[in-house]
Structure formats: C-alpha cells, structure tokens
Protein backbone atom coordinates (compact mmCIF):
# COMPACT_ATOMS: atom_id res chain seq x y z
CA UNK A 1 0.50 -27.27 60.75
CA UNK A 2 -3.56 -27.98 59.79
CA UNK A 3 -4.78 -28.36 63.59
CA UNK A 4 -3.80 -24.93 64.64
CA UNK A 5 -4.67 -23.50 62.37
CA UNK A 6 -8.08 -24.49 62.07
CA UNK A 7 -8.06 -23.37 66.45
CA UNK A 8 -6.78 -20.20 65.47
CA UNK A 9 -10.17 -19.72 62.60
CA UNK A 10 -12.39 -20.94 65.17
CA UNK A 11 -11.24 -19.40 67.87
CA UNK A 12 -11.54 -15.38 66.02
CA UNK A 13 -13.65 -12.91 68.18
CA UNK A 14 -16.39 -11.85 65.84
CA UNK A 15 -15.60 -7.94 65.84
CA UNK A 16 -12.26 -8.83 63.99
CA UNK A 17 -11.86 -7.25 61.30
CA UNK A 18 -11.46 -10.41 58.82
CA UNK A 19 -11.06 -7.95 55.69
CA UNK A 20 -7.65 -6.23 56.97
CA UNK A 21 -6.29 -9.82 57.24
CA UNK A 22 -6.81 -10.64 54.17
CA UNK A 23 -5.61 -7.56 52.39
CA UNK A 24 -2.57 -8.27 54.43
CA UNK A 25 -2.30 -11.68 52.25
CA UNK A 26 -3.57 -10.18 49.21
CA UNK A 27 -0.94 -7.56 48.99
CA UNK A 28 1.90 -9.43 49.65
CA UNK A 29 1.22 -12.00 47.44
CA UNK A 30 0.91 -9.39 44.71
CA UNK A 31 3.96 -8.00 45.40
CA UNK A 32 6.05 -11.53 45.06
CA UNK A 33 3.61 -12.26 41.85
CA UNK A 34 4.74 -8.90 40.18
CA UNK A 35 8.26 -9.42 41.52
CA UNK A 36 8.17 -13.15 39.52
CA UNK A 37 6.50 -12.29 36.50
CA UNK A 38 8.15 -8.94 36.12
CA UNK A 39 11.96 -10.12 36.51
CA UNK A 40 13.58 -10.76 32.71
CA UNK A 41 17.02 -12.49 33.62
CA UNK A 42 19.25 -13.20 30.93
CA UNK A 43 22.55 -15.38 31.21
CA UNK A 44 23.99 -11.99 31.24
CA UNK A 45 21.59 -10.06 33.62
CA UNK A 46 18.48 -9.16 35.16
CA UNK A 47 16.07 -6.64 33.25
CA UNK A 48 12.55 -6.08 34.15
CA UNK A 49 10.30 -6.68 32.00
CA UNK A 50 7.81 -3.49 31.82
CA UNK A 51 11.27 -1.74 30.55
CA UNK A 52 11.38 -4.27 27.55
CA UNK A 53 7.49 -3.75 27.06
CA UNK A 54 6.42 -0.29 27.99
CA UNK A 55 3.05 -0.69 27.40
CA UNK A 56 2.30 -2.68 30.24
CA UNK A 57 3.24 -0.36 32.40
CA UNK A 58 -0.14 0.85 33.15
CA UNK A 59 -0.54 -2.12 34.68
CA UNK A 60 0.92 -0.92 37.57
CA UNK A 61 -1.49 1.36 38.49
CA UNK A 62 -3.64 -2.06 39.92
CA UNK A 63 -1.04 -4.10 40.60
CA UNK A 64 1.60 -1.88 42.74
CA UNK A 65 -0.66 -2.47 45.87
CA UNK A 66 2.18 -1.84 48.41
CA UNK A 67 -0.01 1.55 50.03
CA UNK A 68 -2.90 -0.65 50.53
CA UNK A 69 -0.23 -3.13 53.07
CA UNK A 70 1.18 0.20 55.35
CA UNK A 71 -2.84 1.03 54.98
CA UNK A 72 -3.46 -1.94 56.80
CA UNK A 73 -0.63 -1.69 59.11
CA UNK A 74 -2.34 2.30 60.69
CA UNK A 75 -5.00 0.25 61.18
CA UNK A 76 -3.41 -2.78 63.00
CA UNK A 77 -1.25 -0.36 65.14
CA UNK A 78 -3.57 1.84 65.81
CA UNK A 79 -5.51 -1.32 67.39
CA UNK A 80 -3.05 -3.07 69.31
CA UNK A 81 -1.53 0.06 70.61
CA UNK A 82 -5.02 1.24 72.11
CA UNK A 83 -5.85 -2.51 73.56
CA UNK A 84 -2.21 -2.38 74.93
CA UNK A 85 -2.76 1.32 75.90
CA UNK A 86 -5.98 -0.33 78.25
CA UNK A 87 -4.42 -3.18 79.51
CA UNK A 88 -1.69 -0.42 81.84
CA UNK A 89 -2.54 -0.59 85.15
CA UNK A 90 -5.17 1.91 86.01
CA UNK A 91 -4.71 2.83 90.11
CA UNK A 92 -3.94 7.19 90.76
CA UNK A 93 -0.28 7.57 89.34
CA UNK A 94 1.96 10.76 89.52
CA UNK A 95 2.93 11.98 86.34
CA UNK A 96 6.55 10.29 86.59
CA UNK A 97 4.93 6.92 87.36
CA UNK A 98 2.34 7.48 84.30
CA UNK A 99 5.54 8.33 81.79
CA UNK A 100 7.14 5.57 83.13
CA UNK A 101 4.16 2.93 82.40
CA UNK A 102 3.93 4.85 79.23
CA UNK A 103 7.47 3.93 78.38
CA UNK A 104 6.60 0.37 79.06
CA UNK A 105 3.91 0.21 77.20
CA UNK A 106 5.67 1.61 73.62
CA UNK A 107 8.42 -0.69 74.54
CA UNK A 108 6.04 -3.94 74.10
CA UNK A 109 4.16 -2.15 71.56
CA UNK A 110 7.04 -2.18 69.89
CA UNK A 111 8.37 -5.71 70.54
CA UNK A 112 4.76 -6.75 70.29
CA UNK A 113 4.90 -5.50 66.56
CA UNK A 114 8.32 -6.10 65.75
CA UNK A 115 8.43 -10.13 66.63
CA UNK A 116 6.82 -11.14 63.89
CA UNK A 117 9.01 -8.98 61.68
CA UNK A 118 12.23 -8.78 62.55
CA UNK A 119 13.35 -12.36 63.95
CA UNK A 120 12.86 -13.84 60.64
CA UNK A 121 14.58 -10.73 59.09
CA UNK A 122 17.47 -11.53 61.13
CA UNK A 123 17.11 -15.26 60.54
CA UNK A 124 17.21 -14.21 56.12
CA UNK A 125 20.44 -11.56 57.04
CA UNK A 126 22.35 -14.06 58.70
CA UNK A 127 22.01 -16.75 56.19
CA UNK A 128 22.32 -15.12 53.42
CA UNK A 129 25.47 -13.30 55.36
CA UNK A 130 27.40 -16.53 55.69
CA UNK A 131 26.16 -17.98 52.38
CA UNK A 132 27.92 -15.07 50.52
CA UNK A 133 30.97 -14.69 52.28
CA UNK A 134 31.38 -18.93 51.65
CA UNK A 135 30.54 -18.37 47.92
CA UNK A 136 33.07 -15.56 47.59
CA UNK A 137 36.33 -17.32 49.95
CA UNK A 138 35.55 -19.55 47.59
CA UNK A 139 36.54 -17.07 44.34
CA UNK A 140 32.81 -17.48 42.78
CA UNK A 141 30.28 -14.16 42.86
CA UNK A 142 30.24 -13.63 39.08
CA UNK A 143 27.00 -14.08 37.25
CA UNK A 144 23.84 -15.04 37.60
CA UNK A 145 25.58 -15.77 41.40
CA UNK A 146 26.59 -12.20 41.91
CA UNK A 147 23.40 -10.60 40.48
CA UNK A 148 21.32 -12.93 43.31
CA UNK A 149 24.51 -11.58 45.82
CA UNK A 150 23.12 -7.45 45.11
CA UNK A 151 19.47 -7.71 44.72
CA UNK A 152 18.29 -10.26 46.77
CA UNK A 153 18.46 -7.96 49.98
CA UNK A 154 16.46 -5.61 47.98
CA UNK A 155 13.01 -5.95 49.08
CA UNK A 156 14.22 -4.93 52.73
CA UNK A 157 13.90 -1.52 52.01
CA UNK A 158 9.68 -2.17 52.88
CA UNK A 159 10.85 -4.26 56.21
CA UNK A 160 12.79 -0.71 57.01
CA UNK A 161 9.85 1.52 56.23
CA UNK A 162 7.57 -0.41 58.11
CA UNK A 163 9.82 -0.38 60.98
CA UNK A 164 9.70 3.14 60.79
CA UNK A 165 6.10 2.98 60.68
CA UNK A 166 5.88 1.16 63.75
CA UNK A 167 8.27 3.66 66.36
CA UNK A 168 6.29 6.60 65.13
CA UNK A 169 2.76 4.98 65.79
CA UNK A 170 2.69 7.13 69.23
CA UNK A 171 2.87 10.51 67.91
CA UNK A 172 1.15 10.66 64.97
CA UNK A 173 -2.11 8.51 66.61
CA UNK A 174 -1.66 11.11 69.11
CA UNK A 175 -2.50 13.58 65.78
CA UNK A 176 -4.38 11.58 64.56
CA UNK A 177 -6.55 11.73 67.75
CA UNK A 178 -6.49 15.83 68.28
CA UNK A 179 -7.30 16.45 64.24
CA UNK A 180 -8.00 13.32 62.40
CA UNK A 181 -8.31 14.24 58.61
CA UNK A 182 -5.89 17.66 59.65
CA UNK A 183 -3.25 15.60 60.36
CA UNK A 184 -3.01 13.45 57.15
CA UNK A 185 -3.48 16.96 55.35
CA UNK A 186 -0.40 18.27 57.24
CA UNK A 187 1.75 15.10 56.04
CA UNK A 188 0.14 15.01 52.33
CA UNK A 189 0.65 19.33 52.58
CA UNK A 190 4.75 18.18 53.51
CA UNK A 191 5.09 15.65 50.67
CA UNK A 192 3.25 18.25 48.06
CA UNK A 193 6.37 20.75 49.85
CA UNK A 194 8.99 18.42 48.86
CA UNK A 195 8.37 17.84 45.02
CA UNK A 196 7.74 21.37 44.50
CA UNK A 197 11.64 21.83 46.66
CA UNK A 198 12.27 18.93 44.25
CA UNK A 199 10.83 19.49 41.00
CA UNK A 200 10.56 23.45 40.88
CA UNK A 201 13.40 24.48 43.24
CA UNK A 202 16.13 21.89 42.21
CA UNK A 203 17.24 21.64 46.16
CA UNK A 204 19.69 18.16 46.23
CA UNK A 205 19.06 15.71 48.86
CA UNK A 206 14.86 17.13 49.74
CA UNK A 207 13.44 14.12 48.11
CA UNK A 208 14.50 11.65 50.52
CA UNK A 209 11.89 12.68 52.73
CA UNK A 210 8.75 11.31 50.85
CA UNK A 211 10.04 8.35 52.27
CA UNK A 212 8.80 9.75 55.62
CA UNK A 213 5.32 12.01 54.31
CA UNK A 214 4.28 9.70 51.80
CA UNK A 215 4.77 6.55 53.35
CA UNK A 216 3.46 8.23 57.05
CA UNK A 217 0.55 9.57 54.50
CA UNK A 218 -0.73 6.09 53.47
CA UNK A 219 -0.62 4.48 56.84
CA UNK A 220 -2.69 7.47 58.87
CA UNK A 221 -5.11 6.33 56.22
CA UNK A 222 -4.86 3.07 58.22
CA UNK A 223 -5.70 5.48 61.39
CA UNK A 224 -9.19 6.92 59.98
CA UNK A 225 -9.94 3.71 58.37
CA UNK A 226 -9.64 2.32 62.61
CA UNK A 227 -11.99 4.68 63.80
CA UNK A 228 -14.47 4.98 60.75
CA UNK A 229 -13.90 8.43 59.17
CA UNK A 230 -13.14 7.08 55.41
CA UNK A 231 -16.68 7.52 55.15
CA UNK A 232 -16.62 8.19 50.81
CA UNK A 233 -14.45 5.80 49.42
CA UNK A 234 -15.77 6.29 46.31
CA UNK A 235 -14.61 10.25 46.53
CA UNK A 236 -11.34 9.08 47.89
CA UNK A 237 -10.55 6.82 45.11
CA UNK A 238 -11.68 8.92 42.31
CA UNK A 239 -9.70 11.80 43.58
CA UNK A 240 -6.82 10.08 43.63
CA UNK A 241 -6.72 8.21 40.16
CA UNK A 242 -7.88 11.66 39.11
CA UNK A 243 -4.85 13.67 40.39
CA UNK A 244 -2.70 10.98 39.52
CA UNK A 245 -3.70 10.90 36.11
CA UNK A 246 -3.02 14.16 35.79
CA UNK A 247 0.73 14.80 37.56
CA UNK A 248 1.10 11.74 35.75
CA UNK A 249 0.04 13.05 31.91
CA UNK A 250 1.32 17.11 32.70
CA UNK A 251 3.53 16.74 35.67
CA UNK A 252 7.50 15.65 35.97
CA UNK A 253 6.07 12.09 37.03
CA UNK A 254 6.44 9.04 35.31
CA UNK A 255 3.80 6.08 33.98
CA UNK A 256 4.81 3.31 36.40
CA UNK A 257 4.05 3.01 39.68
CA UNK A 258 6.94 1.10 40.51
CA UNK A 259 10.84 2.30 39.39
CA UNK A 260 12.55 1.60 36.27
CA UNK A 261 15.87 1.08 35.41
CA UNK A 262 17.41 4.14 33.72
CA UNK A 263 14.75 6.47 34.20
CA UNK A 264 16.19 9.99 36.08
CA UNK A 265 12.76 9.85 38.86
CA UNK A 266 11.24 6.64 39.35
CA UNK A 267 7.66 7.34 41.82
CA UNK A 268 8.74 4.73 43.93
CA UNK A 269 12.25 5.43 45.12
CA UNK A 270 12.24 8.27 46.55
CA UNK A 271 7.99 8.41 46.93
CA UNK A 272 6.87 10.61 44.69
CA UNK A 273 3.64 12.86 45.08
CA UNK A 274 2.16 10.36 42.40
CA UNK A 275 1.92 7.44 44.23
CA UNK A 276 0.96 9.30 47.79
CA UNK A 277 -2.47 10.28 44.75
CA UNK A 278 -2.27 6.01 43.63
CA UNK A 279 -2.20 5.23 47.40
CA UNK A 280 -5.62 7.56 47.81
CA UNK A 281 -6.53 5.65 45.19
CA UNK A 282 -6.42 1.87 46.02
CA UNK A 283 -7.47 2.53 49.57
CA UNK A 284 -10.53 3.47 48.55
CA UNK A 285 -10.69 1.19 45.71
CA UNK A 286 -10.26 -2.07 48.38
CA UNK A 287 -12.75 0.25 50.86
CA UNK A 288 -15.60 -0.08 47.97
CA UNK A 289 -15.21 -4.04 47.86
CA UNK A 290 -15.44 -4.12 51.85
CA UNK A 291 -19.09 -5.46 52.00
CA UNK A 292 -18.44 -8.09 49.46
CA UNK A 293 -15.36 -9.42 50.67
CA UNK A 294 -16.48 -9.55 55.07
CA UNK A 295 -19.35 -12.01 52.99
CA UNK A 296 -16.52 -14.13 51.75
CA UNK A 297 -14.86 -14.24 54.76
CA UNK A 298 -17.39 -15.45 56.90
CA UNK A 299 -17.56 -19.10 54.36
CA UNK A 300 -14.82 -21.23 57.14
CA UNK A 301 -12.80 -23.21 54.00
CA UNK A 302 -11.85 -19.03 52.65
CA UNK A 303 -10.86 -17.64 56.29
CA UNK A 304 -8.50 -20.66 57.27
CA UNK A 305 -7.45 -20.27 54.20
CA UNK A 306 -6.03 -16.81 55.51
CA UNK A 307 -5.12 -17.56 58.84
CA UNK A 308 -2.51 -20.14 57.31
CA UNK A 309 -1.46 -17.36 54.70
CA UNK A 310 -1.13 -14.90 57.54
CA UNK A 311 0.86 -17.47 59.76
CA UNK A 312 3.48 -17.80 56.78
CA UNK A 313 3.51 -14.54 54.61
CA UNK A 314 6.76 -12.67 56.40
CA UNK A 315 8.41 -15.64 55.74
CA UNK A 316 7.20 -16.14 52.22
CA UNK A 317 8.16 -12.49 51.36
CA UNK A 318 11.15 -12.91 52.40
CA UNK A 319 12.69 -15.60 50.62
CA UNK A 320 11.22 -15.29 47.02
CA UNK A 321 13.38 -13.62 45.12
CA UNK A 322 15.67 -16.47 46.60
CA UNK A 323 13.54 -19.32 45.26
CA UNK A 324 13.27 -16.94 41.90
CA UNK A 325 17.19 -17.04 41.32
CA UNK A 326 17.14 -20.60 42.18
CA UNK A 327 14.69 -21.36 39.75
CA UNK A 328 16.75 -19.47 36.90
CA UNK A 329 20.18 -20.69 38.28
CA UNK A 330 18.87 -24.41 37.84
CA UNK A 331 17.27 -24.00 34.19
CA UNK A 332 21.10 -22.24 33.86
CA UNK A 333 23.06 -25.15 35.81
CA UNK A 334 20.60 -27.86 33.07
CA UNK A 335 21.10 -25.74 29.96
CA UNK A 336 17.59 -24.92 29.84
CA UNK A 337 17.45 -22.20 26.99
CA UNK A 338 15.96 -18.62 28.44
CA UNK A 339 14.23 -17.58 25.64
CA UNK A 340 14.69 -12.93 24.83
CA UNK A 341 12.06 -11.74 27.51
CA UNK A 342 8.86 -10.84 26.12
CA UNK A 343 9.43 -13.62 23.34
CA UNK A 344 6.06 -15.92 22.65
CA UNK A 345 8.81 -18.56 23.75
CA UNK A 346 9.60 -16.26 27.20
CA UNK A 347 5.36 -16.23 27.84
CA UNK A 348 5.06 -19.99 26.89
CA UNK A 349 7.73 -20.54 29.99
CA UNK A 350 5.59 -18.29 32.33
CA UNK A 351 3.50 -21.12 34.06
CA UNK A 352 6.36 -23.15 34.60
CA UNK A 353 8.91 -20.27 36.32
CA UNK A 354 5.95 -19.27 38.49
CA UNK A 355 5.08 -22.90 39.75
CA UNK A 356 8.88 -23.37 41.04
CA UNK A 357 8.87 -20.46 41.69
CA UNK A 358 5.75 -21.32 44.34
CA UNK A 359 7.63 -24.42 44.84
CA UNK A 360 10.83 -23.93 46.18
CA UNK A 361 9.29 -21.12 48.03
CA UNK A 362 7.10 -23.59 49.95
CA UNK A 363 10.33 -25.14 50.79
CA UNK A 364 12.35 -22.72 52.35
CA UNK A 365 8.90 -21.77 53.92
CA UNK A 366 8.78 -24.67 55.62
CA UNK A 367 12.14 -24.46 56.46
CA UNK A 368 12.29 -20.56 58.42
CA UNK A 369 8.64 -20.57 59.00
CA UNK A 370 9.27 -21.67 63.25
CA UNK A 371 11.15 -17.69 63.27
CA UNK A 372 7.83 -16.55 62.40
CA UNK A 373 5.55 -17.46 65.57
CA UNK A 374 5.82 -15.06 68.46
CA UNK A 375 7.12 -15.57 71.79
CA UNK A 376 5.05 -14.09 74.71
CA UNK A 377 6.47 -11.01 76.77
CA UNK A 378 7.54 -11.37 80.18
CA UNK A 379 6.42 -9.05 83.14
CA UNK A 380 9.65 -6.28 84.00
CA UNK A 381 10.28 -2.52 83.40
CA UNK A 382 10.35 -1.41 79.91
CA UNK A 383 13.06 1.43 78.60
CA UNK A 384 11.45 3.28 75.75
CA UNK A 385 14.43 4.65 74.46
CA UNK A 386 16.08 2.36 74.60
CA UNK A 387 13.38 0.14 72.28
CA UNK A 388 13.39 3.43 70.23
CA UNK A 389 17.35 3.40 69.85
CA UNK A 390 16.99 -0.64 68.60
CA UNK A 391 14.22 0.30 65.61
CA UNK A 392 16.28 3.05 64.28
CA UNK A 393 19.08 0.89 64.19
CA UNK A 394 17.27 -1.94 62.47
CA UNK A 395 15.37 0.27 60.66
CA UNK A 396 18.97 2.10 59.00
CA UNK A 397 20.26 -1.41 59.26
CA UNK A 398 17.71 -2.57 57.16
CA UNK A 399 17.96 0.19 54.45
CA UNK A 400 21.38 -0.09 53.35
CA UNK A 401 21.51 -3.57 53.62
CA UNK A 402 18.76 -3.21 50.67
CA UNK A 403 21.30 -1.01 49.42
CA UNK A 404 24.44 -2.50 49.43
CA UNK A 405 23.39 -5.51 49.01
CA UNK A 406 26.10 -8.60 49.83
CA UNK A 407 27.79 -8.57 46.28
CA UNK A 408 31.24 -7.38 46.84
CA UNK A 409 31.08 -8.48 50.69
CA UNK A 410 35.12 -8.95 51.02
CA UNK A 411 36.05 -6.01 48.85
CA UNK A 412 34.16 -3.73 51.35
CA UNK A 413 31.67 -2.41 48.75
CA UNK A 414 29.12 0.06 49.84
CA UNK A 415 26.72 2.08 49.16
CA UNK A 416 24.54 5.87 50.15
CA UNK A 417 22.18 5.92 52.51
CA UNK A 418 20.90 9.43 53.37
CA UNK A 419 24.72 10.53 51.97
CA UNK A 420 26.77 8.26 54.62
CA UNK A 421 28.08 5.08 52.83
CA UNK A 422 27.14 2.22 54.37
CA UNK A 423 29.44 -1.47 53.56
CA UNK A 424 27.22 -4.61 54.45
CA UNK A 425 28.93 -5.76 57.98
CA UNK A 426 28.34 -2.63 58.50
CA UNK A 427 24.24 -2.87 57.91
CA UNK A 428 23.92 -6.13 59.22
CA UNK A 429 25.40 -5.30 62.40
CA UNK A 430 23.10 -2.58 62.99
CA UNK A 431 20.45 -4.92 62.02
CA UNK A 432 21.61 -7.79 64.95
CA UNK A 433 22.30 -4.66 67.35
CA UNK A 434 18.98 -2.72 66.90
CA UNK A 435 17.14 -6.32 67.12
CA UNK A 436 19.20 -7.34 70.66
CA UNK A 437 17.49 -4.23 71.72
CA UNK A 438 14.00 -4.20 71.02
CA UNK A 439 14.36 -7.66 72.20
CA UNK A 440 15.84 -7.45 75.36
CA UNK A 441 13.11 -3.94 76.10
CA UNK A 442 10.33 -5.49 75.23
CA UNK A 443 11.19 -9.35 77.15
CA UNK A 444 11.23 -6.56 80.27
CA UNK A 445 8.13 -4.92 79.90
CA UNK A 446 5.43 -4.63 82.55
CA UNK A 447 2.52 -4.74 79.90
CA UNK A 448 2.37 -8.24 78.82
CA UNK A 449 2.13 -8.13 74.96
CA UNK A 450 -0.78 -10.56 73.59
CA UNK A 451 -0.23 -10.83 69.49
CA UNK A 452 -3.22 -11.78 67.61
CA UNK A 453 -2.61 -14.22 64.83
CA UNK A 454 -3.76 -15.04 61.96
C-alpha cells in the first residue's frame, strides 16, 4: 500500500482541490469517533451518552458533520459528471443519438460514482447477513448479540441518501446551471414548507419529504462551491448559525443535531429546517478554513495521509460499529466491568475502548479494503433508465436494511419504509438486484469513466 499511496499522491494534478479530499475523510472520521463516544453500552443494552449527559448536546453543533460530507459530494459529482460530458463524442448528432449519448454518460456516471460505494457495502451486507443467519440458526440473538444485529446496519441510511444524491445529480445540476442560488433556494423553500405543514398543520407523513429536500439542498451547495459561487462564507456561516439558534430557541426543534432516544422530534430523522441551517453554518465554517488547510495539504506527508485514508474511508465507515460492538462483546466475555455511562470510571475507560475499536477497525479494513478499489468501465452501450432503476432499488434496499437490521431474520421482523413494511431478506434482495443492474449497465457504457482517487 505504501508505494501505491506514494505514487497516487505524487501523481496528483496541480488543479485538484485537495481540501475537498480532506473534508471527505475528516467528516467520516468525525462520524466514526462520534459513534464510538456516544455509545453508552451496558450489559442490558445500548444508550446514548448525550441522553445521559444532556449538557453535552451543544457539542453536536460542531461534531454533527454529515452535512459537510454531502456538501463535498455535490462538489465531486458536479466535476465528475461534467468531465464525462466533455469526453463523449463531439461529432454532429441527431437528437435521438444525442439522447443515447447522454444516456450512456448517465449510466457511466452512476457506475463510476457508486462502484466504490456499493461493492464494499454489498460485502458488508452479505457477510453480516450470513453471520446473522448462522447465529439465529444456532439459537442465539439475545443480549448484546441481538443489539448488535439490530444496530450494526444503522449507518446504511447514509449510503441510501448518498445514492439518491448521485442519481439526481444530472437534473439538479441542470437546475443549478440555470438558476444558481435560486435552485438551492427552491429546495430550501420546500424544506420550510414541509416543516410548516408538519408542525403548524399537523399533516401526517409529510416530514419524510425532507429526507430529500434538506439533504439535496446541502448537496446543491456543493454545486455552488464547484462554480466558485460561495463568495461570502462568513455570511453563510453566521446566517446559518443565528437562524438555527433561533429555530431551536423559539421553535419546535430540539437542541441536539443528532437523534435522541425517546424524543418526539429529531433534527436528523427525518431532517428538519434546523438541520439545514446547521448545514449552512458548517459549510460556511469549513470554507473559511480553506486557505490555511490548503497550505497544510501542500506538505507531502500530510497529503499522503489524506490519500491513504480516502482509499479505505468507506470500508472503515461500514465496519466501525462492528468493531465497537466487538470490543464490548470481548469485554463482557472476559468479565471486564462496564462502568455506568458518564461515570468517572467510564470516562477513564474511554481511551482504551477507542484504541481497541480503532485497532479492530484497522483489521477489518485490511480484510475488506480490496472491495473498495475501482475497476475501469469497458466500452459498450449504456442504458440510463436501467441504471436509474438499479440505483433506486439500492437506495430502497439499504434504507430498509438500516431500519430493520438483521435481528429477527428468521421471524420475519419488519420495519416501515415510506409506510411499507420491509424485511431484512427483502431489503438485501433489493440491494443486490440494484447493484447488479448498476454494474451491468455501467459496464456497457460507451464512456470510459475514470475514477479519480485518492
């Protein structure tokens, strides 16, 4: 890996925005560390440290950085899709041929962007599905094992939302190119309307629309960043912070920017206007740090570290909860006392638990990182509608699996996905079928989709 990383780092084009790569790694790393810190595991189950110590909830205004990842995604998707459009044949074409050409670009774009996302995800799903089936056939599934089987898939919601962002990039990029900030304002306005209907009019189920409006609005900020149109980041950060504070102080929104057990309203699931304003604050803040961070990334050793981390970031994200529960399971098996969450003994144990979780995550990354490596597309004829269908099936599958988990696999346990009950086997089948469609259509694309690394 060392020589490979050195070569990749040395071959970095001068035009590459290294800060975006740092933000991608840092945001995922913050999520992983946050999960390890917030988990309040006892022999009876898993709680949330922020619920045990509510005074820590303001920290989520700094540490809930998932909006940064989606913002970076918008930037990368805009560059990637435009690059593919430039590479398609430029000879004069009839409108039907032009549509087929754009169709091929779309399928190639989907496969190129989703390849490093779906392959490690499918390995994770299949490995855990087989393990859950074996555990339950042997009569297990209680205690911490059952909690693990239920919770280990929860981070997959992020994969589902990201899939939607990729799938909607071409039409939303066109809206951006036509309306600029107006396209963002339209999505933000829709998020406002949803919350008004939810909280003021009591319209049922309307809140789930903000899974699209809020996160796609943040994604749209990445398009604006790609075109250099975020010119006043201090104003953006200030407006987002003040508005989010006002909404929490005077509106129906909770203080925490992550979900709290037992709360009637969560800013995260589904997302709220307060979380969108929080995203504006974060985007403005990271843009203010761009210049000093860019100077730091000019140092070869720092840049090689970012390149190496980007090469395994998705694998580490997928398996970090597995590592965390593995550490707690080993402690229980060895009769190591689990102190009461937030007690002095609990805090004293934190560095050891995090070090062990990091070491186990590194071992899992070493075992599964090969599935994160991209494979170049081959020439052929793409099929955009089939690629879109594949992405949709993957989206529904991984969202469903994040909600239902693997516990109760043999009992037919279900969870509601957009008002429809879904079981783990059905979710796995949708994910697998969608992935195969994306792979098939992208492999047949007439556009060679080189994947930029880190």
